Amino acid sequence: MASKVFIDGESGTTGLQIRDRLALRDDVSLVQIDQERRKDADARREAFAEADVAILCLPDDAAREAVALAEGMDVRFIDASTAHRVADGWVYGFPEAVSGGRAAIAAAKTVSNPGCYSTGAIAILAPLIKAGLIDADEALSISGVSGYTGGGKALIAEYDDGTAPAHFIYGLAQNHKHLPEIMVRTGLTRRPVFSPAVGNFAQGMAIQVPLHLGETRDLSNLHQALADHYSGAQFVRVLSAEEAGARIVPTKLNDTNMLEISVHGDDRTGMANVIAVLDNLGKGASGAAVQNLNIMLGVDEGAGL
């Protein structure tokens, strides 16, 4: 019997991509409500009652409201918003990031989907902190550039009508919504400097963590720690600097659920740059939600991906 899935917020960018990934599957049946009733509490409550899993593609407050609407029901949740990423009782939906992550997602009733920048930053930092190659209290900086779809409908409209700049840096007050998530999910105890940016391309992203090298940290052991951690992972690849190439292209993995990490630099200069590339709408949003759904349903992790 097909599992029933309700996408609350189906008309948004992430919701539409999740729907497209699920629409052709015969093991999933979509629970849908009329467009004019998409904000109707009774209609949504009925959909939650019918669904096995609900995927929330909503603003934070609306996501919290959705969980409250379904209180007492058997429906399981995947929340793509920021609302529950560091909340008690919610399993973090990045199965490759920590040992036991996949089993925790499989057993969970409530799963919080990672943010896009967070996915890249955590993918780099968590294994290196675990391996002792980055100290939890180390002074770090994280920078990245994302396609403009990560900014939602308003920013997409700016690029569609030509009023947006070709490139801009934001989050200048160091209060970006992904920072708490990055710290909690990596174990960092010192707040990193985070400099996100948006480029004139729809989707795709690259995240960088520059590091100083020394006696206990070099290019080889950084690469090896990442390669060991992600060995056997279906959707994370660790590339050599030669494989990654001299130019890192943020759009390289568009329309996939893949994430690639590579380590660059020169031991003689004592500096390295660890870089993650992913699709902000794939492994950074809708692809990750489908991957988490597959794990929760106990089916092939790559189904629909």
Protein backbone atom coordinates (compact mmCIF):
# COMPACT_ATOMS: atom_id res chain seq x y z
CA MET A 1 0.00 0.00 0.00
CA ALA A 2 1.29 3.44 -0.93
CA SER A 3 2.27 5.76 1.91
CA LYS A 4 0.25 8.96 2.06
CA VAL A 5 2.24 12.23 2.07
CA PHE A 6 0.86 15.74 2.54
CA ILE A 7 3.05 18.67 1.46
CA ASP A 8 1.86 21.66 3.46
CA GLY A 9 3.07 24.60 1.41
CA GLU A 10 3.13 22.71 -1.88
CA SER A 11 2.94 25.88 -4.00
CA GLY A 12 6.32 27.24 -2.83
CA THR A 13 9.67 26.57 -4.52
CA THR A 14 10.69 23.75 -2.17
CA GLY A 15 7.20 22.26 -2.07
CA LEU A 16 6.90 22.16 -5.84
CA GLN A 17 10.24 20.39 -6.18
CA ILE A 18 9.28 17.83 -3.55
CA ARG A 19 5.97 17.24 -5.32
CA ASP A 20 7.74 16.73 -8.65
CA ARG A 21 10.07 14.18 -7.06
CA LEU A 22 7.17 12.25 -5.56
CA ALA A 23 4.51 12.56 -8.27
CA LEU A 24 5.68 9.65 -10.42
CA ARG A 25 6.28 7.20 -7.58
CA ASP A 26 3.85 4.33 -7.08
CA ASP A 27 4.87 3.81 -3.43
CA VAL A 28 3.70 7.31 -2.44
CA SER A 29 0.24 8.85 -2.70
CA LEU A 30 -0.03 12.63 -2.36
CA VAL A 31 -2.69 14.07 -0.09
CA GLN A 32 -3.74 17.41 -1.58
CA ILE A 33 -6.24 20.14 -0.75
CA ASP A 34 -7.81 22.70 -3.05
CA GLN A 35 -5.59 25.72 -3.65
CA GLU A 36 -8.19 28.13 -2.30
CA ARG A 37 -8.26 26.18 0.99
CA ARG A 38 -4.51 25.88 1.45
CA LYS A 39 -4.61 28.21 4.49
CA ASP A 40 -7.84 26.79 5.89
CA ALA A 41 -7.10 25.21 9.28
CA ASP A 42 -9.87 22.60 8.98
CA ALA A 43 -8.71 21.50 5.52
CA ARG A 44 -5.12 21.22 6.70
CA ARG A 45 -6.18 19.32 9.81
CA GLU A 46 -8.06 16.83 7.64
CA ALA A 47 -5.00 16.40 5.44
CA PHE A 48 -2.76 15.78 8.48
CA ALA A 49 -5.22 13.18 9.75
CA GLU A 50 -5.12 11.33 6.41
CA ALA A 51 -1.35 11.48 5.87
CA ASP A 52 1.33 9.12 7.10
CA VAL A 53 3.95 11.86 6.73
CA ALA A 54 3.52 15.61 6.35
CA ILE A 55 6.30 17.73 4.85
CA LEU A 56 6.14 21.35 5.97
CA CYS A 57 7.33 23.90 3.40
CA LEU A 58 6.20 26.94 5.35
CA PRO A 59 7.48 30.03 7.17
CA ASP A 60 8.62 29.28 10.72
CA ASP A 61 5.49 30.44 12.53
CA ALA A 62 3.23 28.58 10.12
CA ALA A 63 5.30 25.41 10.61
CA ARG A 64 4.84 25.63 14.37
CA GLU A 65 1.12 26.20 13.83
CA ALA A 66 0.94 23.12 11.60
CA VAL A 67 2.46 20.90 14.28
CA ALA A 68 -0.05 22.26 16.78
CA LEU A 69 -2.94 21.60 14.38
CA ALA A 70 -1.95 17.94 14.19
CA GLU A 71 -1.49 17.43 17.91
CA GLY A 72 -2.59 13.96 18.95
CA MET A 73 -2.52 12.57 15.41
CA ASP A 74 -0.32 9.72 14.19
CA VAL A 75 1.15 11.77 11.32
CA ARG A 76 4.94 12.11 11.20
CA PHE A 77 6.59 15.38 10.22
CA ILE A 78 9.48 16.61 8.10
CA ASP A 79 9.88 20.34 8.62
CA ALA A 80 11.79 22.21 5.91
CA SER A 81 11.63 25.52 7.81
CA THR A 82 14.07 26.84 10.42
CA ALA A 83 11.52 26.43 13.20
CA HIS A 84 12.65 23.10 14.67
CA ARG A 85 16.29 22.69 13.63
CA VAL A 86 17.60 23.07 17.15
CA ALA A 87 14.36 22.18 18.96
CA ASP A 88 14.16 19.47 21.60
CA GLY A 89 12.47 16.30 20.42
CA TRP A 90 13.23 16.86 16.74
CA VAL A 91 15.73 14.64 14.92
CA TYR A 92 18.10 16.49 12.61
CA GLY A 93 17.63 15.25 9.07
CA PHE A 94 21.21 15.00 7.85
CA PRO A 95 21.80 11.23 7.89
CA GLU A 96 25.42 11.40 6.73
CA ALA A 97 26.55 13.98 9.27
CA VAL A 98 26.72 11.96 12.49
CA SER A 99 26.99 8.34 13.51
CA GLY A 100 23.55 6.85 14.04
CA GLY A 101 21.84 9.66 12.15
CA ARG A 102 20.09 7.39 9.70
CA ALA A 103 18.65 5.12 12.39
CA ALA A 104 17.44 8.13 14.37
CA ILE A 105 15.62 9.51 11.32
CA ALA A 106 14.07 6.12 10.56
CA ALA A 107 12.57 5.92 14.04
CA ALA A 108 11.57 9.57 14.40
CA LYS A 109 8.11 11.08 14.42
CA THR A 110 9.49 14.61 13.87
CA VAL A 111 12.45 15.38 11.61
CA SER A 112 13.88 18.81 10.88
CA ASN A 113 15.34 19.28 7.42
CA PRO A 114 18.73 21.08 7.40
CA GLY A 115 19.20 24.53 5.91
CA CYS A 116 21.09 24.86 2.65
CA TYR A 117 24.15 26.78 3.92
CA SER A 118 24.04 24.67 7.07
CA THR A 119 24.25 21.48 5.04
CA GLY A 120 27.49 22.55 3.39
CA ALA A 121 29.04 23.97 6.55
CA ILE A 122 28.09 21.01 8.74
CA ALA A 123 29.22 18.54 6.08
CA ILE A 124 32.68 20.10 6.30
CA LEU A 125 32.94 20.87 10.00
CA ALA A 126 31.28 17.95 11.80
CA PRO A 127 33.73 15.24 10.62
CA LEU A 128 36.78 17.46 11.11
CA ILE A 129 35.77 18.42 14.66
CA LYS A 130 35.05 14.75 15.43
CA ALA A 131 38.50 13.81 14.07
CA GLY A 132 40.18 16.45 16.25
CA LEU A 133 41.41 18.45 13.27
CA ILE A 134 39.32 21.49 14.19
CA ASP A 135 38.88 22.61 17.79
CA ALA A 136 35.33 23.31 18.94
CA ASP A 137 36.43 26.75 20.18
CA GLU A 138 38.57 27.62 17.14
CA ALA A 139 38.09 31.02 15.50
CA LEU A 140 36.56 30.13 12.12
CA SER A 141 35.05 31.88 9.16
CA ILE A 142 32.50 30.41 6.76
CA SER A 143 31.57 31.99 3.46
CA GLY A 144 29.36 30.92 0.61
CA VAL A 145 27.31 31.88 -2.39
CA SER A 146 23.85 30.56 -3.26
CA GLY A 147 21.47 30.78 -6.17
CA TYR A 148 18.70 33.31 -5.68
CA THR A 149 15.97 30.68 -5.23
CA GLY A 150 17.25 30.31 -1.68
CA GLY A 151 15.78 33.73 -0.92
CA GLY A 152 12.18 32.72 -1.61
CA LYS A 153 9.49 34.27 -3.77
CA ALA A 154 10.34 37.93 -3.15
CA LEU A 155 13.99 37.55 -4.17
CA ILE A 156 13.10 35.33 -7.13
CA ALA A 157 10.76 38.10 -8.33
CA GLU A 158 13.61 40.64 -8.14
CA TYR A 159 15.78 38.51 -10.39
CA ASP A 160 12.91 37.70 -12.73
CA ASP A 161 12.16 41.39 -13.31
CA GLY A 162 15.82 42.40 -13.51
CA THR A 163 15.91 44.67 -10.45
CA ALA A 164 18.27 42.54 -8.35
CA PRO A 165 22.07 43.03 -8.38
CA ALA A 166 24.26 40.41 -10.04
CA HIS A 167 25.84 39.54 -6.70
CA PHE A 168 25.42 40.69 -3.12
CA ILE A 169 26.63 39.81 0.36
CA TYR A 170 24.13 39.81 3.21
CA GLY A 171 23.80 38.71 6.84
CA LEU A 172 26.24 41.49 7.70
CA ALA A 173 25.08 41.75 11.32
CA GLN A 174 26.20 38.15 11.91
CA ASN A 175 22.69 37.04 12.85
CA HIS A 176 21.95 34.68 9.97
CA LYS A 177 19.28 32.12 10.87
CA HIS A 178 21.58 29.19 10.04
CA LEU A 179 24.26 30.07 12.62
CA PRO A 180 22.61 28.43 15.66
CA GLU A 181 21.99 25.29 13.63
CA ILE A 182 25.60 25.14 12.45
CA MET A 183 26.92 25.50 16.00
CA VAL A 184 24.58 22.99 17.61
CA ARG A 185 24.96 20.35 14.91
CA THR A 186 28.77 20.53 14.76
CA GLY A 187 29.54 21.09 18.44
CA LEU A 188 31.19 24.46 17.84
CA THR A 189 31.39 26.48 21.04
CA ARG A 190 32.71 29.67 19.44
CA ARG A 191 30.50 31.52 16.99
CA PRO A 192 32.06 31.53 13.49
CA VAL A 193 32.05 34.58 11.23
CA PHE A 194 29.55 33.76 8.51
CA SER A 195 29.43 35.62 5.18
CA PRO A 196 26.67 34.39 2.85
CA ALA A 197 26.10 35.82 -0.62
CA VAL A 198 23.65 35.51 -3.51
CA GLY A 199 24.67 35.20 -7.16
CA ASN A 200 22.83 35.79 -10.41
CA PHE A 201 21.92 32.14 -10.95
CA ALA A 202 18.76 30.36 -9.90
CA GLN A 203 20.12 27.42 -7.93
CA GLY A 204 23.34 25.84 -6.76
CA MET A 205 25.76 26.86 -4.03
CA ALA A 206 29.32 26.62 -2.72
CA ILE A 207 30.43 26.96 0.91
CA GLN A 208 34.03 27.58 2.00
CA VAL A 209 35.82 27.08 5.31
CA PRO A 210 39.42 28.43 5.19
CA LEU A 211 41.88 26.90 7.65
CA HIS A 212 45.43 27.51 8.77
CA LEU A 213 47.61 24.41 8.61
CA GLY A 214 50.23 23.29 11.12
CA GLU A 215 51.96 20.34 12.70
CA THR A 216 48.72 18.47 13.42
CA ARG A 217 46.65 19.63 10.43
CA ASP A 218 47.66 19.31 6.81
CA LEU A 219 45.96 18.83 3.45
CA SER A 220 46.34 15.07 3.59
CA ASN A 221 44.76 14.44 6.97
CA LEU A 222 41.93 16.89 6.27
CA HIS A 223 41.08 15.04 3.07
CA GLN A 224 41.46 11.61 4.70
CA ALA A 225 39.22 12.46 7.65
CA LEU A 226 36.46 13.60 5.29
CA ALA A 227 36.93 10.61 2.97
CA ASP A 228 36.77 8.20 5.91
CA HIS A 229 33.65 9.82 7.35
CA TYR A 230 31.71 9.73 4.08
CA SER A 231 32.96 6.37 2.86
CA GLY A 232 30.01 4.53 1.35
CA ALA A 233 27.68 7.54 1.45
CA GLN A 234 25.31 7.56 -1.52
CA PHE A 235 24.90 11.32 -1.76
CA VAL A 236 28.20 12.76 -0.47
CA ARG A 237 31.46 12.53 -2.42
CA VAL A 238 34.89 13.64 -1.24
CA LEU A 239 37.03 14.67 -4.20
CA SER A 240 40.73 15.31 -4.47
CA ALA A 241 41.75 18.84 -5.39
CA GLU A 242 42.66 17.55 -8.84
CA GLU A 243 39.25 15.95 -9.32
CA ALA A 244 37.47 19.09 -8.17
CA GLY A 245 39.50 21.29 -10.53
CA ALA A 246 40.96 24.77 -10.34
CA ARG A 247 37.54 26.41 -10.60
CA ILE A 248 34.72 25.50 -8.24
CA VAL A 249 31.36 26.02 -9.95
CA PRO A 250 28.38 26.42 -7.57
CA THR A 251 25.92 25.14 -10.18
CA LYS A 252 27.80 21.90 -10.85
CA LEU A 253 25.36 19.66 -8.94
CA ASN A 254 22.10 21.33 -9.90
CA ASP A 255 19.04 19.07 -10.08
CA THR A 256 20.74 16.37 -8.01
CA ASN A 257 20.80 15.40 -4.36
CA MET A 258 24.60 15.19 -4.37
CA LEU A 259 27.08 17.08 -2.23
CA GLU A 260 30.79 17.23 -3.02
CA ILE A 261 33.61 18.26 -0.69
CA SER A 262 37.19 19.02 -1.66
CA VAL A 263 40.29 20.30 0.15
CA HIS A 264 42.53 22.85 -1.57
CA GLY A 265 45.68 24.73 -0.66
CA ASP A 266 49.39 24.21 -0.21
CA ASP A 267 51.13 22.83 2.86
CA ARG A 268 54.07 25.16 2.12
CA THR A 269 51.91 28.24 2.55
CA GLY A 270 50.23 26.84 5.63
CA MET A 271 46.73 27.53 4.34
CA ALA A 272 43.82 25.43 3.11
CA ASN A 273 40.29 25.96 1.86
CA VAL A 274 37.68 23.24 2.34
CA ILE A 275 34.78 23.64 -0.08
CA ALA A 276 31.35 22.02 -0.34
CA VAL A 277 29.16 22.22 -3.45
CA LEU A 278 25.49 21.29 -3.58
CA ASP A 279 22.17 22.33 -5.09
CA ASN A 280 20.43 24.60 -2.59
CA LEU A 281 17.12 23.15 -3.83
CA GLY A 282 18.45 19.58 -3.87
CA LYS A 283 20.58 18.37 -0.98
CA GLY A 284 19.95 21.80 0.53
CA ALA A 285 16.14 21.52 0.58
CA SER A 286 13.73 19.34 -1.41
CA GLY A 287 16.14 16.52 -2.22
CA ALA A 288 17.10 16.20 1.43
CA ALA A 289 13.42 16.13 2.41
CA VAL A 290 12.75 13.26 -0.01
CA GLN A 291 15.84 11.42 1.22
CA ASN A 292 14.59 11.79 4.81
CA LEU A 293 11.12 10.67 3.76
CA ASN A 294 12.57 7.55 2.15
CA ILE A 295 14.48 6.72 5.34
CA MET A 296 11.36 7.25 7.47
CA LEU A 297 9.30 5.02 5.17
CA GLY A 298 11.98 2.30 5.07
CA VAL A 299 12.33 2.34 1.28
CA ASP A 300 15.34 2.81 -1.00
CA GLU A 301 17.07 5.97 0.20
CA GLY A 302 17.59 7.10 -3.38
CA ALA A 303 13.98 6.65 -4.53
CA GLY A 304 12.90 9.65 -6.58
CA LEU A 305 16.39 11.14 -6.39
